[in-house]
N, C-alpha and C. Protein backbone atom coordinates (compact mmCIF):
# COMPACT_ATOMS: atom_id res chain seq x y z
N MET A 1 119.76 49.01 -81.79
CA MET A 1 120.16 50.24 -81.17
C MET A 1 121.41 50.77 -81.86
N GLU A 2 121.45 52.06 -82.01
CA GLU A 2 122.60 52.70 -82.64
C GLU A 2 123.13 53.78 -81.69
N MET A 3 124.45 53.83 -81.56
CA MET A 3 125.09 54.88 -80.77
C MET A 3 125.88 55.78 -81.71
N VAL A 4 125.64 57.08 -81.61
CA VAL A 4 126.30 58.04 -82.48
C VAL A 4 127.05 59.04 -81.60
N ALA A 5 128.37 59.05 -81.72
CA ALA A 5 129.19 60.00 -80.95
C ALA A 5 129.09 61.38 -81.59
N HIS A 6 129.05 62.40 -80.75
CA HIS A 6 129.02 63.78 -81.23
C HIS A 6 130.21 64.53 -80.62
N ASP A 7 131.11 64.96 -81.47
CA ASP A 7 132.28 65.74 -81.08
C ASP A 7 132.42 66.91 -82.03
N PRO A 8 131.63 67.97 -81.82
CA PRO A 8 131.70 69.11 -82.74
C PRO A 8 133.10 69.72 -82.74
N LYS A 9 133.51 70.19 -83.88
CA LYS A 9 134.85 70.79 -84.03
C LYS A 9 134.80 72.31 -83.86
N ASP A 10 133.62 72.90 -83.96
CA ASP A 10 133.47 74.35 -83.84
C ASP A 10 132.64 74.69 -82.61
N GLY A 11 133.05 75.74 -81.92
CA GLY A 11 132.28 76.26 -80.81
C GLY A 11 132.48 75.59 -79.47
N VAL A 12 133.35 74.58 -79.41
CA VAL A 12 133.62 73.88 -78.15
C VAL A 12 135.04 73.33 -78.22
N TYR A 13 135.68 73.19 -77.08
CA TYR A 13 137.04 72.63 -77.04
C TYR A 13 137.01 71.18 -77.53
N SER A 14 138.14 70.71 -78.01
CA SER A 14 138.24 69.36 -78.56
C SER A 14 138.24 68.32 -77.45
N ALA A 15 137.55 67.23 -77.71
CA ALA A 15 137.61 66.07 -76.81
C ALA A 15 138.95 65.37 -77.05
N THR A 16 139.48 64.74 -76.01
CA THR A 16 140.69 63.95 -76.18
C THR A 16 140.31 62.57 -76.70
N SER A 17 141.29 61.75 -77.00
CA SER A 17 141.03 60.46 -77.63
C SER A 17 140.33 59.45 -76.73
N ASP A 18 140.25 59.71 -75.42
CA ASP A 18 139.67 58.71 -74.52
C ASP A 18 138.21 58.97 -74.13
N TYR A 19 137.57 59.99 -74.72
CA TYR A 19 136.16 60.22 -74.44
C TYR A 19 135.53 61.00 -75.58
N VAL A 20 134.21 61.11 -75.56
CA VAL A 20 133.47 61.92 -76.53
C VAL A 20 132.62 62.93 -75.75
N HIS A 21 132.31 64.06 -76.40
CA HIS A 21 131.48 65.07 -75.75
C HIS A 21 130.07 64.57 -75.48
N ALA A 22 129.50 63.84 -76.42
CA ALA A 22 128.11 63.40 -76.26
C ALA A 22 127.89 62.10 -77.01
N MET A 23 126.92 61.33 -76.52
CA MET A 23 126.56 60.08 -77.18
C MET A 23 125.05 60.09 -77.39
N GLU A 24 124.66 60.04 -78.65
CA GLU A 24 123.25 59.93 -79.00
C GLU A 24 122.91 58.44 -79.09
N VAL A 25 121.83 58.03 -78.45
CA VAL A 25 121.40 56.65 -78.48
C VAL A 25 120.08 56.60 -79.24
N ARG A 26 120.09 55.87 -80.35
CA ARG A 26 118.90 55.76 -81.20
C ARG A 26 118.34 54.35 -81.12
N GLY A 27 117.05 54.26 -80.96
CA GLY A 27 116.38 52.97 -81.00
C GLY A 27 116.55 52.11 -79.77
N ALA A 28 116.99 52.67 -78.66
CA ALA A 28 117.13 51.88 -77.43
C ALA A 28 115.75 51.60 -76.84
N GLN A 29 115.58 50.41 -76.32
CA GLN A 29 114.34 50.05 -75.67
C GLN A 29 114.48 50.00 -74.15
N ARG A 30 115.73 49.89 -73.68
CA ARG A 30 115.96 49.80 -72.24
C ARG A 30 117.14 50.69 -71.85
N THR A 31 117.06 51.26 -70.65
CA THR A 31 118.16 52.04 -70.09
C THR A 31 118.44 51.50 -68.70
N LEU A 32 119.71 51.31 -68.39
CA LEU A 32 120.13 50.78 -67.10
C LEU A 32 121.00 51.83 -66.42
N TYR A 33 120.64 52.22 -65.21
CA TYR A 33 121.41 53.17 -64.41
C TYR A 33 122.06 52.39 -63.28
N ILE A 34 123.39 52.34 -63.30
CA ILE A 34 124.13 51.60 -62.27
C ILE A 34 124.61 52.59 -61.23
N SER A 35 124.23 52.33 -59.98
CA SER A 35 124.63 53.22 -58.90
C SER A 35 126.14 53.15 -58.69
N GLY A 36 126.66 54.06 -57.90
CA GLY A 36 128.09 54.07 -57.62
C GLY A 36 128.55 52.68 -57.19
N THR A 37 129.52 52.14 -57.91
CA THR A 37 130.02 50.79 -57.68
C THR A 37 131.50 50.88 -57.33
N MET A 38 131.89 50.21 -56.26
CA MET A 38 133.26 50.29 -55.78
C MET A 38 134.08 49.07 -56.19
N GLY A 39 135.38 49.15 -55.94
CA GLY A 39 136.31 48.06 -56.20
C GLY A 39 136.38 47.13 -55.01
N LEU A 40 135.25 46.48 -54.74
CA LEU A 40 135.14 45.55 -53.62
C LEU A 40 135.01 44.14 -54.16
N ASP A 41 135.56 43.17 -53.43
CA ASP A 41 135.39 41.77 -53.83
C ASP A 41 134.00 41.29 -53.40
N PRO A 42 133.61 40.06 -53.77
CA PRO A 42 132.27 39.59 -53.43
C PRO A 42 131.96 39.58 -51.92
N ALA A 43 132.99 39.55 -51.09
CA ALA A 43 132.78 39.60 -49.64
C ALA A 43 132.69 41.03 -49.13
N GLY A 44 132.86 42.01 -50.02
CA GLY A 44 132.77 43.42 -49.63
C GLY A 44 134.09 44.03 -49.21
N LYS A 45 135.20 43.31 -49.44
CA LYS A 45 136.52 43.81 -49.06
C LYS A 45 137.13 44.57 -50.23
N PRO A 46 137.64 45.80 -49.97
CA PRO A 46 138.25 46.56 -51.06
C PRO A 46 139.62 46.01 -51.44
N GLY A 47 139.96 46.16 -52.74
CA GLY A 47 141.31 45.83 -53.16
C GLY A 47 142.30 46.72 -52.43
N GLY A 48 143.50 46.25 -52.24
CA GLY A 48 144.50 46.98 -51.47
C GLY A 48 145.14 48.15 -52.18
N THR A 49 145.07 48.15 -53.52
CA THR A 49 145.68 49.21 -54.31
C THR A 49 144.66 49.74 -55.31
N LEU A 50 144.97 50.87 -55.90
CA LEU A 50 144.09 51.41 -56.94
C LEU A 50 143.97 50.42 -58.09
N SER A 51 145.08 49.84 -58.52
CA SER A 51 145.04 48.87 -59.63
C SER A 51 144.11 47.70 -59.32
N GLU A 52 144.19 47.17 -58.10
CA GLU A 52 143.32 46.07 -57.70
C GLU A 52 141.86 46.51 -57.67
N GLN A 53 141.60 47.72 -57.17
CA GLN A 53 140.23 48.20 -57.12
C GLN A 53 139.66 48.46 -58.51
N LEU A 54 140.49 48.91 -59.43
CA LEU A 54 140.02 49.12 -60.80
C LEU A 54 139.63 47.79 -61.46
N VAL A 55 140.39 46.74 -61.22
CA VAL A 55 140.03 45.42 -61.74
C VAL A 55 138.70 44.98 -61.13
N LEU A 56 138.58 45.11 -59.81
CA LEU A 56 137.36 44.70 -59.13
C LEU A 56 136.14 45.50 -59.57
N VAL A 57 136.29 46.83 -59.69
CA VAL A 57 135.14 47.65 -60.04
C VAL A 57 134.64 47.30 -61.43
N TRP A 58 135.55 47.06 -62.37
CA TRP A 58 135.10 46.68 -63.71
C TRP A 58 134.53 45.28 -63.73
N ASP A 59 135.04 44.36 -62.93
CA ASP A 59 134.43 43.03 -62.79
C ASP A 59 133.00 43.17 -62.25
N ASN A 60 132.83 44.04 -61.24
CA ASN A 60 131.51 44.25 -60.65
C ASN A 60 130.55 44.86 -61.67
N ILE A 61 131.03 45.82 -62.44
CA ILE A 61 130.18 46.45 -63.46
C ILE A 61 129.78 45.42 -64.51
N ARG A 62 130.72 44.59 -64.94
CA ARG A 62 130.38 43.55 -65.92
C ARG A 62 129.30 42.61 -65.37
N ALA A 63 129.41 42.25 -64.09
CA ALA A 63 128.41 41.36 -63.47
C ALA A 63 127.04 42.03 -63.41
N ILE A 64 127.01 43.30 -63.06
CA ILE A 64 125.74 44.03 -63.00
C ILE A 64 125.13 44.15 -64.39
N LEU A 65 125.95 44.50 -65.38
CA LEU A 65 125.47 44.58 -66.75
C LEU A 65 124.92 43.23 -67.21
N ALA A 66 125.65 42.16 -66.93
CA ALA A 66 125.21 40.82 -67.33
C ALA A 66 123.86 40.47 -66.72
N SER A 67 123.62 40.92 -65.49
CA SER A 67 122.33 40.63 -64.85
C SER A 67 121.17 41.26 -65.61
N ALA A 68 121.47 42.28 -66.42
CA ALA A 68 120.45 42.94 -67.24
C ALA A 68 120.57 42.53 -68.71
N GLY A 69 121.37 41.50 -69.00
CA GLY A 69 121.55 41.05 -70.38
C GLY A 69 122.35 42.02 -71.22
N MET A 70 123.28 42.76 -70.58
CA MET A 70 124.09 43.75 -71.28
C MET A 70 125.57 43.46 -71.06
N THR A 71 126.41 44.17 -71.83
CA THR A 71 127.86 44.09 -71.70
C THR A 71 128.41 45.52 -71.66
N VAL A 72 129.72 45.64 -71.57
CA VAL A 72 130.34 46.97 -71.59
C VAL A 72 130.07 47.69 -72.91
N ASP A 73 129.70 46.95 -73.95
CA ASP A 73 129.37 47.59 -75.22
C ASP A 73 128.10 48.43 -75.12
N ASN A 74 127.30 48.21 -74.08
CA ASN A 74 126.06 48.97 -73.89
C ASN A 74 126.27 50.25 -73.08
N ILE A 75 127.47 50.45 -72.53
CA ILE A 75 127.73 51.64 -71.71
C ILE A 75 127.70 52.88 -72.60
N VAL A 76 126.91 53.88 -72.16
CA VAL A 76 126.81 55.13 -72.91
C VAL A 76 127.28 56.33 -72.09
N ARG A 77 127.58 56.14 -70.80
CA ARG A 77 128.02 57.25 -69.95
C ARG A 77 128.69 56.70 -68.71
N GLN A 78 129.77 57.37 -68.25
CA GLN A 78 130.45 56.98 -67.01
C GLN A 78 130.82 58.21 -66.21
N THR A 79 130.59 58.13 -64.91
CA THR A 79 131.10 59.13 -63.98
C THR A 79 132.01 58.41 -62.99
N SER A 80 133.22 58.95 -62.80
CA SER A 80 134.19 58.38 -61.87
C SER A 80 134.31 59.29 -60.66
N TYR A 81 134.31 58.69 -59.50
CA TYR A 81 134.56 59.41 -58.25
C TYR A 81 135.88 58.89 -57.71
N LEU A 82 136.88 59.76 -57.67
CA LEU A 82 138.23 59.37 -57.29
C LEU A 82 138.58 59.95 -55.92
N ARG A 83 139.22 59.16 -55.09
CA ARG A 83 139.63 59.63 -53.77
C ARG A 83 140.77 60.65 -53.88
N ASP A 84 141.57 60.56 -54.95
CA ASP A 84 142.72 61.45 -55.11
C ASP A 84 142.90 61.79 -56.58
N VAL A 85 143.26 63.03 -56.86
CA VAL A 85 143.45 63.48 -58.25
C VAL A 85 144.52 62.67 -58.96
N SER A 86 145.48 62.13 -58.23
CA SER A 86 146.55 61.34 -58.86
C SER A 86 146.03 60.03 -59.46
N TYR A 87 144.79 59.65 -59.19
CA TYR A 87 144.22 58.42 -59.72
C TYR A 87 143.63 58.60 -61.12
N ALA A 88 143.57 59.82 -61.60
CA ALA A 88 142.86 60.12 -62.86
C ALA A 88 143.43 59.36 -64.06
N GLU A 89 144.74 59.37 -64.21
CA GLU A 89 145.34 58.74 -65.39
C GLU A 89 145.12 57.23 -65.40
N GLU A 90 145.33 56.57 -64.28
CA GLU A 90 145.14 55.12 -64.22
C GLU A 90 143.67 54.76 -64.40
N ASN A 91 142.78 55.57 -63.85
CA ASN A 91 141.35 55.36 -64.03
C ASN A 91 140.96 55.47 -65.51
N ALA A 92 141.46 56.51 -66.18
CA ALA A 92 141.16 56.69 -67.60
C ALA A 92 141.68 55.51 -68.42
N ALA A 93 142.87 55.06 -68.11
CA ALA A 93 143.44 53.92 -68.84
C ALA A 93 142.61 52.66 -68.62
N ALA A 94 142.13 52.46 -67.41
CA ALA A 94 141.30 51.29 -67.12
C ALA A 94 139.97 51.38 -67.87
N ARG A 95 139.40 52.58 -67.97
CA ARG A 95 138.15 52.77 -68.71
C ARG A 95 138.36 52.46 -70.19
N VAL A 96 139.41 53.01 -70.76
CA VAL A 96 139.70 52.78 -72.19
C VAL A 96 139.89 51.28 -72.44
N ALA A 97 140.62 50.60 -71.56
CA ALA A 97 140.84 49.16 -71.72
C ALA A 97 139.53 48.39 -71.58
N ALA A 98 138.73 48.73 -70.59
CA ALA A 98 137.47 48.03 -70.35
C ALA A 98 136.50 48.19 -71.52
N LEU A 99 136.53 49.37 -72.13
CA LEU A 99 135.61 49.64 -73.24
C LEU A 99 136.24 49.32 -74.60
N GLY A 100 137.40 48.72 -74.60
CA GLY A 100 138.04 48.34 -75.85
C GLY A 100 138.40 49.53 -76.72
N GLY A 101 138.70 50.67 -76.08
CA GLY A 101 139.09 51.87 -76.82
C GLY A 101 137.92 52.74 -77.26
N ARG A 102 136.69 52.28 -77.03
CA ARG A 102 135.51 53.06 -77.42
C ARG A 102 135.31 54.21 -76.45
N GLY A 103 135.17 55.41 -76.98
CA GLY A 103 134.96 56.58 -76.14
C GLY A 103 133.50 56.76 -75.78
N VAL A 104 133.24 57.16 -74.55
CA VAL A 104 131.91 57.52 -74.09
C VAL A 104 132.01 58.84 -73.33
N PRO A 105 130.91 59.57 -73.18
CA PRO A 105 130.97 60.76 -72.33
C PRO A 105 131.35 60.34 -70.91
N THR A 106 132.26 61.07 -70.32
CA THR A 106 132.74 60.71 -68.99
C THR A 106 133.09 61.95 -68.19
N THR A 107 132.95 61.82 -66.89
CA THR A 107 133.34 62.88 -65.96
C THR A 107 134.08 62.22 -64.80
N ALA A 108 135.15 62.84 -64.35
CA ALA A 108 135.87 62.37 -63.16
C ALA A 108 135.81 63.47 -62.11
N ILE A 109 135.46 63.08 -60.90
CA ILE A 109 135.30 64.02 -59.80
C ILE A 109 136.14 63.51 -58.64
N VAL A 110 136.91 64.39 -58.01
CA VAL A 110 137.69 64.02 -56.84
C VAL A 110 136.83 64.29 -55.60
N VAL A 111 136.67 63.26 -54.77
CA VAL A 111 135.76 63.34 -53.63
C VAL A 111 136.39 62.68 -52.39
N GLN A 112 135.79 62.96 -51.27
CA GLN A 112 136.11 62.20 -50.06
C GLN A 112 135.09 61.07 -50.02
N THR A 113 135.54 59.82 -50.09
CA THR A 113 134.62 58.69 -50.11
C THR A 113 134.11 58.40 -48.70
N LEU A 114 133.02 57.66 -48.64
CA LEU A 114 132.41 57.34 -47.35
C LEU A 114 133.30 56.45 -46.50
N ASP A 115 134.16 55.69 -47.13
CA ASP A 115 135.11 54.83 -46.43
C ASP A 115 136.49 55.13 -47.01
N SER A 116 137.46 55.38 -46.17
CA SER A 116 138.78 55.79 -46.65
C SER A 116 139.48 54.70 -47.46
N ASP A 117 139.05 53.44 -47.35
CA ASP A 117 139.64 52.36 -48.15
C ASP A 117 139.09 52.31 -49.57
N TRP A 118 138.00 53.02 -49.84
CA TRP A 118 137.41 53.05 -51.18
C TRP A 118 138.13 54.12 -51.99
N LEU A 119 138.87 53.71 -53.00
CA LEU A 119 139.69 54.63 -53.80
C LEU A 119 138.99 55.10 -55.06
N ILE A 120 138.03 54.33 -55.54
CA ILE A 120 137.35 54.61 -56.81
C ILE A 120 135.90 54.17 -56.69
N GLU A 121 135.04 54.93 -57.31
CA GLU A 121 133.63 54.54 -57.42
C GLU A 121 133.18 54.95 -58.83
N LEU A 122 132.51 54.06 -59.52
CA LEU A 122 132.05 54.34 -60.87
C LEU A 122 130.53 54.29 -60.93
N GLU A 123 129.97 55.23 -61.65
CA GLU A 123 128.53 55.27 -61.91
C GLU A 123 128.37 55.15 -63.42
N ILE A 124 127.49 54.28 -63.86
CA ILE A 124 127.38 53.92 -65.27
C ILE A 124 125.93 54.09 -65.75
N VAL A 125 125.79 54.50 -67.00
CA VAL A 125 124.50 54.46 -67.70
C VAL A 125 124.72 53.58 -68.94
N ALA A 126 123.83 52.61 -69.12
CA ALA A 126 123.90 51.70 -70.27
C ALA A 126 122.54 51.68 -70.96
N ALA A 127 122.55 51.34 -72.23
CA ALA A 127 121.30 51.28 -73.00
C ALA A 127 121.34 50.08 -73.94
N ALA A 128 120.16 49.56 -74.20
CA ALA A 128 120.05 48.42 -75.13
C ALA A 128 118.76 48.54 -75.93
């Protein structure tokens, strides 16, 4: 499988260093769609802070990916649902760290979560 980032320089605004406008996936045989995943521990308890929830959510995503024989290297798209706009910078930094600096198409949306203790929810698309 080959992933090719597309960031045209003409006709569209520039992407920042932490994401790409589009990701072309060539030769993939499998696609995995991960539903909204929260920063909850294995017992279903949310981390007490945004930082704790970001660690938990990425641990959960890694576990889900592993169940499909994938890693974070297979992620081709991420959507973040944030309880507060002030979470955007820390969320982006956690994504960049989790992906080892590799940019993927991403969107962050500020929402009212179903439970007020849920500060972050991530939705992922991966391919292999």
